[in-house]
N, C-alpha and C. Protein backbone atom coordinates (compact mmCIF):
# COMPACT_ATOMS: atom_id res chain seq x y z
N MET A 1 2.00 7.32 -21.82
CA MET A 1 2.56 8.57 -21.31
C MET A 1 3.06 9.42 -22.48
N ASN A 2 2.13 9.76 -23.36
CA ASN A 2 2.52 10.55 -24.51
C ASN A 2 2.21 12.01 -24.28
N GLY A 3 2.65 12.86 -25.18
CA GLY A 3 2.35 14.27 -25.12
C GLY A 3 3.31 15.04 -24.26
N ARG A 4 2.99 16.33 -24.08
CA ARG A 4 3.89 17.20 -23.33
C ARG A 4 3.77 16.92 -21.85
N PRO A 5 4.89 16.89 -21.15
CA PRO A 5 4.84 16.64 -19.70
C PRO A 5 4.29 17.83 -18.96
N ARG A 6 3.62 17.54 -17.85
CA ARG A 6 3.10 18.63 -17.03
C ARG A 6 4.16 19.10 -16.06
N ARG A 7 4.11 20.38 -15.76
CA ARG A 7 5.01 20.91 -14.74
C ARG A 7 4.37 20.68 -13.39
N LEU A 8 5.13 20.12 -12.48
CA LEU A 8 4.65 19.87 -11.14
C LEU A 8 4.77 21.12 -10.30
N ALA A 9 3.78 21.32 -9.44
CA ALA A 9 3.79 22.51 -8.59
C ALA A 9 5.07 22.55 -7.76
N GLY A 10 5.70 23.72 -7.73
CA GLY A 10 6.88 23.90 -6.91
C GLY A 10 8.15 23.36 -7.51
N GLN A 11 8.09 22.87 -8.75
CA GLN A 11 9.28 22.28 -9.34
C GLN A 11 10.14 23.35 -10.00
N ASP A 12 11.41 23.32 -9.76
CA ASP A 12 12.34 24.25 -10.36
C ASP A 12 12.44 23.96 -11.86
N PRO A 13 12.17 24.95 -12.74
CA PRO A 13 12.24 24.70 -14.17
C PRO A 13 13.59 24.16 -14.61
N ASP A 14 14.67 24.56 -13.93
CA ASP A 14 16.00 24.08 -14.32
C ASP A 14 16.18 22.60 -14.05
N GLU A 15 15.33 22.03 -13.17
CA GLU A 15 15.48 20.63 -12.81
C GLU A 15 14.64 19.71 -13.69
N ARG A 16 13.76 20.29 -14.52
CA ARG A 16 12.88 19.45 -15.30
C ARG A 16 13.64 18.85 -16.48
N LEU A 17 13.51 17.51 -16.64
CA LEU A 17 14.01 16.83 -17.82
C LEU A 17 12.80 16.36 -18.59
N VAL A 18 12.62 16.90 -19.79
CA VAL A 18 11.40 16.64 -20.54
C VAL A 18 11.37 15.21 -21.04
N ALA A 19 10.28 14.52 -20.76
CA ALA A 19 10.17 13.10 -21.10
C ALA A 19 9.33 12.89 -22.35
N THR A 20 9.55 13.70 -23.37
CA THR A 20 8.72 13.63 -24.56
C THR A 20 8.95 12.35 -25.34
N ARG A 21 10.07 11.63 -25.08
CA ARG A 21 10.36 10.44 -25.86
C ARG A 21 9.81 9.17 -25.21
N ILE A 22 9.12 9.30 -24.08
CA ILE A 22 8.54 8.13 -23.45
C ILE A 22 7.34 7.66 -24.27
N VAL A 23 7.38 6.46 -24.78
CA VAL A 23 6.31 5.91 -25.58
C VAL A 23 5.28 5.22 -24.71
N ASN A 24 5.72 4.48 -23.75
CA ASN A 24 4.80 3.71 -22.93
C ASN A 24 5.46 3.42 -21.58
N LEU A 25 4.62 3.26 -20.58
CA LEU A 25 5.11 3.01 -19.22
C LEU A 25 4.15 2.08 -18.51
N SER A 26 4.66 1.00 -17.96
CA SER A 26 3.89 0.10 -17.12
C SER A 26 4.42 0.18 -15.69
N ALA A 27 3.73 -0.50 -14.79
CA ALA A 27 4.18 -0.51 -13.40
C ALA A 27 3.95 -1.88 -12.80
N VAL A 28 4.72 -2.18 -11.77
CA VAL A 28 4.51 -3.41 -11.00
C VAL A 28 4.57 -3.06 -9.52
N ILE A 29 3.61 -3.57 -8.77
CA ILE A 29 3.60 -3.43 -7.33
C ILE A 29 4.20 -4.69 -6.73
N LEU A 30 5.26 -4.54 -5.97
CA LEU A 30 5.93 -5.69 -5.36
C LEU A 30 5.22 -6.04 -4.06
N ALA A 31 4.45 -7.14 -4.11
CA ALA A 31 3.64 -7.53 -2.95
C ALA A 31 3.79 -9.01 -2.65
N GLY A 32 4.87 -9.62 -3.12
CA GLY A 32 5.03 -11.06 -2.95
C GLY A 32 5.92 -11.47 -1.80
N GLY A 33 6.36 -10.52 -1.01
CA GLY A 33 7.28 -10.83 0.08
C GLY A 33 6.62 -11.65 1.19
N GLU A 34 7.46 -12.29 2.01
CA GLU A 34 6.95 -13.15 3.08
C GLU A 34 6.56 -12.37 4.33
N SER A 35 6.95 -11.12 4.42
CA SER A 35 6.57 -10.25 5.55
C SER A 35 6.87 -10.89 6.90
N ARG A 36 8.06 -11.49 7.03
CA ARG A 36 8.41 -12.18 8.26
C ARG A 36 8.40 -11.25 9.48
N ARG A 37 9.00 -10.06 9.30
CA ARG A 37 9.08 -9.15 10.45
C ARG A 37 7.71 -8.59 10.82
N MET A 38 6.83 -8.44 9.83
CA MET A 38 5.49 -7.93 10.11
C MET A 38 4.63 -9.00 10.76
N GLY A 39 4.86 -10.27 10.40
CA GLY A 39 4.07 -11.35 10.96
C GLY A 39 2.76 -11.60 10.24
N ARG A 40 2.48 -10.85 9.19
CA ARG A 40 1.28 -11.03 8.37
C ARG A 40 1.55 -10.37 7.04
N ASP A 41 0.72 -10.66 6.04
CA ASP A 41 0.91 -10.07 4.72
C ASP A 41 0.64 -8.58 4.79
N LYS A 42 1.70 -7.79 4.68
CA LYS A 42 1.52 -6.34 4.88
C LYS A 42 0.77 -5.67 3.74
N ALA A 43 0.62 -6.34 2.61
CA ALA A 43 -0.13 -5.74 1.51
C ALA A 43 -1.55 -5.39 1.92
N TRP A 44 -2.08 -6.10 2.94
CA TRP A 44 -3.47 -5.89 3.34
C TRP A 44 -3.60 -5.09 4.62
N LEU A 45 -2.50 -4.56 5.14
CA LEU A 45 -2.60 -3.63 6.27
C LEU A 45 -3.32 -2.36 5.82
N LEU A 46 -4.11 -1.80 6.70
CA LEU A 46 -4.91 -0.63 6.35
C LEU A 46 -4.15 0.66 6.59
N THR A 47 -4.29 1.57 5.65
CA THR A 47 -3.79 2.94 5.81
C THR A 47 -4.89 3.87 5.30
N GLU A 48 -5.34 4.76 6.14
CA GLU A 48 -6.43 5.66 5.79
C GLU A 48 -7.63 4.89 5.27
N GLY A 49 -7.90 3.75 5.91
CA GLY A 49 -9.10 3.00 5.60
C GLY A 49 -9.03 2.07 4.40
N GLN A 50 -7.86 1.93 3.76
CA GLN A 50 -7.76 1.03 2.63
C GLN A 50 -6.46 0.25 2.70
N PRO A 51 -6.44 -0.96 2.14
CA PRO A 51 -5.21 -1.76 2.18
C PRO A 51 -4.06 -1.05 1.47
N LEU A 52 -2.85 -1.32 1.94
CA LEU A 52 -1.67 -0.73 1.30
C LEU A 52 -1.66 -1.01 -0.20
N ILE A 53 -2.02 -2.22 -0.58
CA ILE A 53 -1.95 -2.57 -2.00
C ILE A 53 -2.96 -1.79 -2.82
N ALA A 54 -4.15 -1.56 -2.27
CA ALA A 54 -5.14 -0.76 -2.98
C ALA A 54 -4.68 0.69 -3.11
N ARG A 55 -4.03 1.19 -2.05
CA ARG A 55 -3.51 2.55 -2.11
C ARG A 55 -2.42 2.66 -3.18
N ALA A 56 -1.57 1.63 -3.29
CA ALA A 56 -0.52 1.66 -4.30
C ALA A 56 -1.11 1.68 -5.71
N VAL A 57 -2.14 0.89 -5.93
CA VAL A 57 -2.81 0.90 -7.24
C VAL A 57 -3.37 2.29 -7.53
N ARG A 58 -4.03 2.88 -6.56
CA ARG A 58 -4.60 4.21 -6.75
C ARG A 58 -3.53 5.24 -7.05
N THR A 59 -2.42 5.19 -6.33
CA THR A 59 -1.34 6.15 -6.54
C THR A 59 -0.77 6.04 -7.95
N LEU A 60 -0.59 4.82 -8.42
CA LEU A 60 -0.07 4.61 -9.78
C LEU A 60 -1.06 5.10 -10.83
N ARG A 61 -2.35 4.85 -10.61
CA ARG A 61 -3.36 5.35 -11.54
C ARG A 61 -3.33 6.88 -11.58
N GLU A 62 -3.21 7.50 -10.41
CA GLU A 62 -3.17 8.96 -10.36
C GLU A 62 -1.93 9.51 -11.06
N ALA A 63 -0.87 8.71 -11.10
CA ALA A 63 0.35 9.13 -11.80
C ALA A 63 0.22 8.96 -13.31
N GLY A 64 -0.89 8.40 -13.77
CA GLY A 64 -1.14 8.29 -15.20
C GLY A 64 -0.78 6.96 -15.82
N ILE A 65 -0.59 5.92 -14.99
CA ILE A 65 -0.16 4.62 -15.51
C ILE A 65 -1.38 3.71 -15.64
N ALA A 66 -1.57 3.16 -16.83
CA ALA A 66 -2.74 2.33 -17.10
C ALA A 66 -2.46 0.85 -16.82
N GLU A 67 -1.31 0.35 -17.29
CA GLU A 67 -1.00 -1.07 -17.11
C GLU A 67 -0.23 -1.26 -15.81
N ILE A 68 -0.88 -1.94 -14.86
CA ILE A 68 -0.28 -2.17 -13.55
C ILE A 68 -0.32 -3.66 -13.26
N PHE A 69 0.84 -4.24 -12.99
CA PHE A 69 0.94 -5.63 -12.59
C PHE A 69 1.09 -5.71 -11.07
N ILE A 70 0.70 -6.83 -10.52
CA ILE A 70 0.97 -7.13 -9.12
C ILE A 70 1.89 -8.33 -9.06
N SER A 71 3.05 -8.15 -8.47
CA SER A 71 3.94 -9.27 -8.18
C SER A 71 3.51 -9.81 -6.83
N GLY A 72 2.76 -10.92 -6.86
CA GLY A 72 2.09 -11.34 -5.64
C GLY A 72 2.46 -12.71 -5.14
N ARG A 73 1.74 -13.12 -4.12
CA ARG A 73 1.92 -14.41 -3.48
C ARG A 73 1.02 -15.45 -4.14
N ALA A 74 1.52 -16.64 -4.34
CA ALA A 74 0.69 -17.74 -4.82
C ALA A 74 -0.40 -18.02 -3.80
N GLY A 75 -1.62 -18.23 -4.27
CA GLY A 75 -2.72 -18.55 -3.39
C GLY A 75 -3.45 -17.36 -2.81
N THR A 76 -3.03 -16.15 -3.13
CA THR A 76 -3.69 -14.94 -2.65
C THR A 76 -4.59 -14.39 -3.74
N ASP A 77 -5.78 -13.97 -3.38
CA ASP A 77 -6.76 -13.46 -4.34
C ASP A 77 -6.60 -11.94 -4.48
N TYR A 78 -6.16 -11.51 -5.64
CA TYR A 78 -5.99 -10.08 -5.91
C TYR A 78 -7.04 -9.58 -6.91
N SER A 79 -8.06 -10.38 -7.19
CA SER A 79 -8.99 -10.08 -8.29
C SER A 79 -9.72 -8.76 -8.10
N ALA A 80 -9.97 -8.36 -6.85
CA ALA A 80 -10.70 -7.12 -6.62
C ALA A 80 -9.94 -5.89 -7.09
N LEU A 81 -8.64 -6.03 -7.28
CA LEU A 81 -7.81 -4.88 -7.67
C LEU A 81 -7.80 -4.65 -9.17
N GLY A 82 -8.23 -5.64 -9.95
CA GLY A 82 -8.32 -5.46 -11.40
C GLY A 82 -6.99 -5.35 -12.11
N CYS A 83 -5.95 -6.00 -11.58
CA CYS A 83 -4.61 -5.95 -12.16
C CYS A 83 -4.11 -7.37 -12.44
N PRO A 84 -3.38 -7.56 -13.54
CA PRO A 84 -2.79 -8.88 -13.78
C PRO A 84 -1.78 -9.23 -12.69
N VAL A 85 -1.75 -10.50 -12.32
CA VAL A 85 -0.87 -10.96 -11.25
C VAL A 85 0.29 -11.75 -11.84
N LEU A 86 1.49 -11.46 -11.37
CA LEU A 86 2.69 -12.18 -11.77
C LEU A 86 3.24 -12.93 -10.57
N LEU A 87 3.64 -14.18 -10.80
CA LEU A 87 4.29 -14.95 -9.76
C LEU A 87 5.77 -15.11 -10.10
N ASP A 88 6.60 -15.11 -9.08
CA ASP A 88 8.04 -15.20 -9.29
C ASP A 88 8.41 -16.49 -10.00
N ARG A 89 9.34 -16.38 -10.94
CA ARG A 89 9.87 -17.57 -11.57
C ARG A 89 10.74 -18.35 -10.59
N GLU A 90 11.38 -17.61 -9.66
CA GLU A 90 12.26 -18.22 -8.67
C GLU A 90 11.79 -17.81 -7.27
N PRO A 91 10.78 -18.50 -6.72
CA PRO A 91 10.27 -18.14 -5.39
C PRO A 91 11.38 -18.16 -4.34
N GLY A 92 11.26 -17.24 -3.39
CA GLY A 92 12.25 -17.16 -2.34
C GLY A 92 13.47 -16.33 -2.68
N SER A 93 13.43 -15.67 -3.83
CA SER A 93 14.58 -14.85 -4.26
C SER A 93 14.38 -13.37 -3.99
N GLY A 94 13.34 -13.02 -3.24
CA GLY A 94 13.15 -11.64 -2.86
C GLY A 94 12.56 -10.78 -3.96
N PRO A 95 12.53 -9.47 -3.74
CA PRO A 95 11.88 -8.57 -4.71
C PRO A 95 12.54 -8.56 -6.07
N LEU A 96 13.82 -8.91 -6.16
CA LEU A 96 14.49 -8.91 -7.47
C LEU A 96 13.80 -9.89 -8.42
N ALA A 97 13.31 -11.01 -7.91
CA ALA A 97 12.61 -11.97 -8.76
C ALA A 97 11.33 -11.37 -9.32
N GLY A 98 10.64 -10.57 -8.53
CA GLY A 98 9.44 -9.89 -9.01
C GLY A 98 9.75 -8.84 -10.06
N ILE A 99 10.85 -8.14 -9.86
CA ILE A 99 11.26 -7.14 -10.85
C ILE A 99 11.60 -7.82 -12.17
N GLU A 100 12.35 -8.91 -12.11
CA GLU A 100 12.73 -9.62 -13.33
C GLU A 100 11.50 -10.12 -14.08
N ARG A 101 10.54 -10.65 -13.34
CA ARG A 101 9.32 -11.17 -13.97
C ARG A 101 8.54 -10.06 -14.64
N ALA A 102 8.46 -8.89 -14.01
CA ALA A 102 7.73 -7.76 -14.59
C ALA A 102 8.43 -7.22 -15.83
N LEU A 103 9.75 -7.16 -15.79
CA LEU A 103 10.50 -6.68 -16.95
C LEU A 103 10.26 -7.59 -18.16
N GLU A 104 10.04 -8.87 -17.91
CA GLU A 104 9.75 -9.79 -18.99
C GLU A 104 8.31 -9.65 -19.48
N ALA A 105 7.37 -9.49 -18.56
CA ALA A 105 5.95 -9.56 -18.89
C ALA A 105 5.42 -8.31 -19.57
N ALA A 106 5.93 -7.16 -19.18
CA ALA A 106 5.36 -5.90 -19.67
C ALA A 106 5.73 -5.63 -21.12
N ASP A 107 4.80 -5.04 -21.84
CA ASP A 107 5.07 -4.63 -23.21
C ASP A 107 5.73 -3.25 -23.27
N ALA A 108 5.60 -2.49 -22.20
CA ALA A 108 6.11 -1.13 -22.18
C ALA A 108 7.62 -1.10 -22.19
N GLU A 109 8.16 0.02 -22.63
CA GLU A 109 9.62 0.21 -22.67
C GLU A 109 10.20 0.47 -21.30
N LEU A 110 9.38 1.04 -20.41
CA LEU A 110 9.82 1.37 -19.06
C LEU A 110 8.87 0.75 -18.05
N ILE A 111 9.42 0.27 -16.94
CA ILE A 111 8.63 -0.34 -15.88
C ILE A 111 8.89 0.40 -14.58
N LEU A 112 7.82 0.95 -14.01
CA LEU A 112 7.94 1.59 -12.70
C LEU A 112 7.72 0.52 -11.63
N VAL A 113 8.70 0.36 -10.78
CA VAL A 113 8.66 -0.62 -9.70
C VAL A 113 8.28 0.11 -8.41
N LEU A 114 7.26 -0.42 -7.71
CA LEU A 114 6.83 0.22 -6.47
C LEU A 114 6.59 -0.84 -5.40
N ALA A 115 7.33 -0.75 -4.31
CA ALA A 115 7.10 -1.64 -3.17
C ALA A 115 5.75 -1.32 -2.55
N VAL A 116 5.07 -2.36 -2.07
CA VAL A 116 3.72 -2.18 -1.55
C VAL A 116 3.70 -1.44 -0.22
N ASP A 117 4.83 -1.42 0.51
CA ASP A 117 4.83 -0.92 1.89
C ASP A 117 5.29 0.52 2.02
N LEU A 118 4.87 1.36 1.10
CA LEU A 118 5.22 2.79 1.14
C LEU A 118 3.94 3.61 1.25
N PRO A 119 3.38 3.74 2.45
CA PRO A 119 2.07 4.38 2.60
C PRO A 119 2.05 5.87 2.31
N ARG A 120 3.22 6.50 2.19
CA ARG A 120 3.24 7.95 1.95
C ARG A 120 3.80 8.32 0.57
N MET A 121 3.95 7.32 -0.28
CA MET A 121 4.35 7.62 -1.65
C MET A 121 3.24 8.41 -2.35
N THR A 122 3.62 9.35 -3.21
CA THR A 122 2.63 10.20 -3.87
C THR A 122 2.73 10.10 -5.38
N ALA A 123 1.60 10.36 -6.04
CA ALA A 123 1.59 10.40 -7.50
C ALA A 123 2.48 11.52 -8.02
N ALA A 124 2.53 12.63 -7.30
CA ALA A 124 3.36 13.75 -7.75
C ALA A 124 4.84 13.36 -7.78
N PHE A 125 5.29 12.62 -6.78
CA PHE A 125 6.69 12.19 -6.78
C PHE A 125 6.95 11.22 -7.92
N LEU A 126 6.03 10.29 -8.16
CA LEU A 126 6.22 9.34 -9.25
C LEU A 126 6.24 10.04 -10.60
N GLN A 127 5.42 11.07 -10.76
CA GLN A 127 5.44 11.85 -11.99
C GLN A 127 6.78 12.55 -12.18
N LYS A 128 7.36 12.97 -11.07
CA LYS A 128 8.67 13.59 -11.16
C LYS A 128 9.72 12.58 -11.65
N LEU A 129 9.65 11.35 -11.13
CA LEU A 129 10.56 10.31 -11.62
C LEU A 129 10.37 10.08 -13.12
N ILE A 130 9.12 10.02 -13.54
CA ILE A 130 8.82 9.78 -14.95
C ILE A 130 9.44 10.87 -15.82
N GLN A 131 9.39 12.10 -15.36
CA GLN A 131 9.94 13.21 -16.13
C GLN A 131 11.45 13.15 -16.26
N HIS A 132 12.09 12.34 -15.44
CA HIS A 132 13.55 12.21 -15.50
C HIS A 132 13.99 10.99 -16.31
N CYS A 133 13.07 10.40 -17.05
CA CYS A 133 13.39 9.24 -17.89
C CYS A 133 13.36 9.63 -19.36
N ASP A 134 13.98 8.79 -20.18
CA ASP A 134 13.66 8.77 -21.59
C ASP A 134 13.34 7.33 -21.94
N ARG A 135 13.05 7.04 -23.18
CA ARG A 135 12.50 5.73 -23.51
C ARG A 135 13.48 4.58 -23.31
N LEU A 136 14.78 4.87 -23.18
CA LEU A 136 15.77 3.82 -22.96
C LEU A 136 16.48 3.91 -21.62
N THR A 137 16.14 4.93 -20.84
CA THR A 137 16.86 5.17 -19.59
C THR A 137 15.87 5.43 -18.46
N GLY A 138 15.99 4.65 -17.39
CA GLY A 138 15.13 4.83 -16.24
C GLY A 138 15.78 5.71 -15.18
N VAL A 139 15.26 5.61 -13.96
CA VAL A 139 15.75 6.48 -12.88
C VAL A 139 15.60 5.76 -11.55
N VAL A 140 16.61 5.93 -10.70
CA VAL A 140 16.58 5.36 -9.34
C VAL A 140 16.77 6.51 -8.35
N PRO A 141 15.84 6.70 -7.42
CA PRO A 141 16.01 7.75 -6.42
C PRO A 141 17.17 7.44 -5.48
N LYS A 142 17.75 8.50 -4.94
CA LYS A 142 18.82 8.37 -3.96
C LYS A 142 18.48 9.28 -2.79
N LEU A 143 18.37 8.68 -1.61
CA LEU A 143 18.00 9.42 -0.41
C LEU A 143 19.09 9.26 0.64
N GLU A 144 19.69 10.37 1.05
CA GLU A 144 20.72 10.35 2.09
C GLU A 144 21.81 9.33 1.79
N ALA A 145 22.32 9.38 0.57
CA ALA A 145 23.44 8.56 0.10
C ALA A 145 23.08 7.11 -0.15
N ARG A 146 21.80 6.76 -0.06
CA ARG A 146 21.36 5.38 -0.29
C ARG A 146 20.39 5.33 -1.47
N LEU A 147 20.64 4.39 -2.38
CA LEU A 147 19.70 4.19 -3.47
C LEU A 147 18.41 3.60 -2.92
N GLU A 148 17.31 3.96 -3.54
CA GLU A 148 15.98 3.44 -3.19
C GLU A 148 15.44 2.70 -4.42
N PRO A 149 15.90 1.47 -4.65
CA PRO A 149 15.61 0.78 -5.91
C PRO A 149 14.23 0.15 -5.99
N LEU A 150 13.43 0.22 -4.92
CA LEU A 150 12.11 -0.37 -4.93
C LEU A 150 11.01 0.67 -5.12
N ALA A 151 11.41 1.86 -5.54
CA ALA A 151 10.47 2.89 -6.00
C ALA A 151 11.21 3.60 -7.14
N ALA A 152 11.36 2.89 -8.23
CA ALA A 152 12.25 3.33 -9.30
C ALA A 152 11.69 2.89 -10.66
N ILE A 153 12.33 3.36 -11.71
CA ILE A 153 11.90 3.03 -13.08
C ILE A 153 13.07 2.41 -13.82
N TYR A 154 12.80 1.26 -14.43
CA TYR A 154 13.84 0.53 -15.17
C TYR A 154 13.37 0.27 -16.60
N PRO A 155 14.26 0.40 -17.58
CA PRO A 155 13.90 0.00 -18.94
C PRO A 155 13.94 -1.52 -19.08
N LYS A 156 13.21 -2.03 -20.06
CA LYS A 156 13.13 -3.49 -20.25
C LYS A 156 14.51 -4.12 -20.44
N ARG A 157 15.45 -3.34 -20.97
CA ARG A 157 16.77 -3.91 -21.21
C ARG A 157 17.49 -4.30 -19.92
N CYS A 158 16.92 -3.91 -18.77
CA CYS A 158 17.51 -4.30 -17.50
C CYS A 158 17.16 -5.73 -17.12
N GLN A 159 16.29 -6.38 -17.90
CA GLN A 159 15.94 -7.75 -17.54
C GLN A 159 17.15 -8.68 -17.55
N PHE A 160 18.04 -8.49 -18.51
CA PHE A 160 19.20 -9.37 -18.56
C PHE A 160 20.10 -9.15 -17.34
N ILE A 161 20.12 -7.93 -16.81
CA ILE A 161 20.90 -7.66 -15.60
C ILE A 161 20.27 -8.37 -14.41
N ALA A 162 18.94 -8.30 -14.32
CA ALA A 162 18.25 -8.97 -13.23
C ALA A 162 18.46 -10.48 -13.30
N ARG A 163 18.38 -11.04 -14.48
CA ARG A 163 18.59 -12.48 -14.63
C ARG A 163 20.01 -12.87 -14.22
N ASP A 164 20.97 -12.05 -14.61
CA ASP A 164 22.35 -12.35 -14.25
C ASP A 164 22.54 -12.30 -12.74
N CYS A 165 21.96 -11.30 -12.09
CA CYS A 165 22.07 -11.20 -10.63
C CYS A 165 21.43 -12.41 -9.96
N LEU A 166 20.26 -12.83 -10.45
CA LEU A 166 19.58 -13.98 -9.87
C LEU A 166 20.40 -15.25 -10.05
N SER A 167 20.98 -15.41 -11.24
CA SER A 167 21.74 -16.63 -11.51
C SER A 167 23.00 -16.71 -10.65
N ARG A 168 23.52 -15.55 -10.25
CA ARG A 168 24.72 -15.51 -9.42
C ARG A 168 24.39 -15.49 -7.92
N GLY A 169 23.11 -15.49 -7.61
CA GLY A 169 22.72 -15.44 -6.20
C GLY A 169 22.90 -14.07 -5.58
N ARG A 170 23.03 -13.04 -6.39
CA ARG A 170 23.17 -11.67 -5.89
C ARG A 170 21.78 -11.05 -5.85
N LEU A 171 21.09 -11.25 -4.73
CA LEU A 171 19.67 -10.92 -4.65
C LEU A 171 19.39 -9.51 -4.13
N ALA A 172 20.41 -8.81 -3.65
CA ALA A 172 20.21 -7.46 -3.12
C ALA A 172 19.81 -6.52 -4.25
N VAL A 173 18.68 -5.86 -4.09
CA VAL A 173 18.17 -5.01 -5.16
C VAL A 173 19.05 -3.79 -5.37
N ARG A 174 19.72 -3.33 -4.34
CA ARG A 174 20.63 -2.21 -4.54
C ARG A 174 21.80 -2.62 -5.44
N ASP A 175 22.26 -3.87 -5.34
CA ASP A 175 23.31 -4.34 -6.25
C ASP A 175 22.81 -4.33 -7.69
N PHE A 176 21.56 -4.76 -7.87
CA PHE A 176 20.95 -4.72 -9.21
C PHE A 176 20.89 -3.29 -9.73
N ALA A 177 20.45 -2.36 -8.90
CA ALA A 177 20.35 -0.96 -9.33
C ALA A 177 21.72 -0.39 -9.69
N GLU A 178 22.73 -0.73 -8.90
CA GLU A 178 24.08 -0.27 -9.21
C GLU A 178 24.55 -0.85 -10.55
N ALA A 179 24.23 -2.11 -10.81
CA ALA A 179 24.60 -2.73 -12.09
C ALA A 179 23.89 -2.03 -13.24
N CYS A 180 22.65 -1.66 -13.05
CA CYS A 180 21.92 -0.91 -14.08
C CYS A 180 22.56 0.45 -14.32
N ARG A 181 23.01 1.08 -13.25
CA ARG A 181 23.67 2.39 -13.39
C ARG A 181 24.97 2.25 -14.17
N ARG A 182 25.74 1.20 -13.88
CA ARG A 182 27.00 1.00 -14.60
C ARG A 182 26.77 0.77 -16.10
N GLU A 183 25.63 0.17 -16.42
CA GLU A 183 25.28 -0.06 -17.83
C GLU A 183 24.62 1.17 -18.46
N GLN A 184 24.53 2.25 -17.69
CA GLN A 184 23.89 3.49 -18.12
C GLN A 184 22.43 3.27 -18.53
N ALA A 185 21.80 2.30 -17.85
CA ALA A 185 20.39 2.03 -18.11
C ALA A 185 19.48 2.86 -17.20
N VAL A 186 20.05 3.43 -16.12
CA VAL A 186 19.30 4.30 -15.23
C VAL A 186 20.17 5.49 -14.87
N ARG A 187 19.52 6.57 -14.53
CA ARG A 187 20.22 7.72 -13.95
C ARG A 187 19.75 7.88 -12.51
N ILE A 188 20.49 8.60 -11.74
CA ILE A 188 20.20 8.79 -10.32
C ILE A 188 19.44 10.09 -10.11
N PHE A 189 18.42 10.02 -9.26
CA PHE A 189 17.62 11.21 -8.93
C PHE A 189 17.74 11.49 -7.43
N PRO A 190 18.45 12.53 -7.03
CA PRO A 190 18.54 12.87 -5.60
C PRO A 190 17.17 13.31 -5.08
N VAL A 191 16.74 12.69 -4.00
CA VAL A 191 15.43 12.99 -3.43
C VAL A 191 15.53 14.25 -2.58
N PRO A 192 14.75 15.29 -2.88
CA PRO A 192 14.75 16.48 -2.03
C PRO A 192 14.29 16.12 -0.62
N GLN A 193 14.82 16.81 0.36
CA GLN A 193 14.49 16.48 1.74
C GLN A 193 12.99 16.62 2.01
N ASN A 194 12.33 17.54 1.33
CA ASN A 194 10.91 17.72 1.58
C ASN A 194 10.06 16.60 0.98
N GLU A 195 10.70 15.66 0.27
CA GLU A 195 9.96 14.51 -0.27
C GLU A 195 10.47 13.19 0.32
N ALA A 196 11.32 13.28 1.33
CA ALA A 196 11.87 12.08 1.95
C ALA A 196 10.78 11.21 2.59
N ALA A 197 9.69 11.83 3.01
CA ALA A 197 8.62 11.06 3.64
C ALA A 197 8.01 10.02 2.72
N CYS A 198 8.16 10.20 1.41
CA CYS A 198 7.64 9.22 0.46
C CYS A 198 8.23 7.83 0.69
N PHE A 199 9.41 7.78 1.34
CA PHE A 199 10.12 6.51 1.50
C PHE A 199 9.98 5.93 2.91
N GLU A 200 9.06 6.48 3.71
CA GLU A 200 8.77 5.87 5.00
C GLU A 200 8.03 4.57 4.74
N ASN A 201 8.57 3.46 5.26
CA ASN A 201 8.00 2.16 4.92
C ASN A 201 7.61 1.37 6.15
N TRP A 202 6.75 0.38 5.92
CA TRP A 202 6.26 -0.49 6.98
C TRP A 202 6.90 -1.86 6.84
N ASN A 203 7.82 -2.19 7.74
CA ASN A 203 8.48 -3.49 7.73
C ASN A 203 8.16 -4.34 8.95
N SER A 204 7.69 -3.70 10.02
CA SER A 204 7.38 -4.42 11.25
C SER A 204 6.20 -3.73 11.92
N PRO A 205 5.57 -4.40 12.92
CA PRO A 205 4.43 -3.76 13.60
C PRO A 205 4.77 -2.39 14.19
N ALA A 206 6.02 -2.20 14.62
CA ALA A 206 6.40 -0.91 15.19
C ALA A 206 6.31 0.20 14.15
N HIS A 207 6.56 -0.13 12.90
CA HIS A 207 6.53 0.88 11.85
C HIS A 207 5.11 1.35 11.53
N VAL A 208 4.13 0.49 11.80
CA VAL A 208 2.75 0.86 11.50
C VAL A 208 2.30 2.02 12.36
N SER A 209 2.84 2.09 13.58
CA SER A 209 2.48 3.18 14.49
C SER A 209 3.50 4.30 14.52
N GLY A 210 4.64 4.12 13.80
CA GLY A 210 5.66 5.15 13.77
C GLY A 210 6.40 5.10 12.46
N PRO A 211 6.97 6.24 12.00
CA PRO A 211 7.62 6.29 10.69
C PRO A 211 8.90 5.49 10.66
N SER A 212 9.20 4.93 9.47
CA SER A 212 10.45 4.23 9.22
C SER A 212 10.97 4.68 7.87
N ARG A 213 12.03 5.40 7.82
CA ARG A 213 12.48 6.02 6.59
C ARG A 213 13.42 5.09 5.83
N GLY A 214 13.15 4.92 4.56
CA GLY A 214 14.07 4.21 3.68
C GLY A 214 13.80 2.72 3.61
N LEU A 215 13.89 2.17 2.43
CA LEU A 215 13.68 0.75 2.25
C LEU A 215 14.87 -0.02 2.80
N GLU A 216 14.61 -1.02 3.64
CA GLU A 216 15.69 -1.74 4.29
C GLU A 216 16.12 -2.97 3.50
N ARG A 217 15.30 -3.43 2.55
CA ARG A 217 15.63 -4.63 1.81
C ARG A 217 16.59 -4.32 0.69
N GLY A 218 17.42 -5.26 0.36
CA GLY A 218 18.39 -5.06 -0.74
C GLY A 218 19.55 -4.28 -0.27
């Protein structure tokens, strides 16, 4: 992610934070959850004719990210997606374990974390998040007074925070994001109402046929 940042259509110039100091950016798709409420692996649910996980890969590519990891399930074949697969060091610890593993594995200074169950996330919104980072500071969106830590960017230095949370049994990802904020490792990005749909997620069969706003995990 080098060079001059592009201006996004409709973006207020006063709101742009130039990300000229970003040297490199990787991403991880969180797809290792047990999907208990859905009753099946939601990564392979279809949206507009393609699995959620394939759509997530495409969205990240469109946002300009080359290195994409998949935090996945043991025994699941992700080879068709062409992305390296990471398995949790501590299975059963929720998405925080996947975030910690990605922060360790990636060579990039910043890691974009994206939950697999966000069928309306856009490359334009992710580019906006990228523009609000610098090489040592990530960004966590905030929607209607709630942090959305599973569509966020964290610097590698947050790995020690994730490890500490895991060791203490504090598995809620919002607690992790708040700890990162206290360490000034991330800044908060208020989500404009016209982009709130990016956070409609699929957690149960009812959500597949109707919108569900905001990530419920963590």
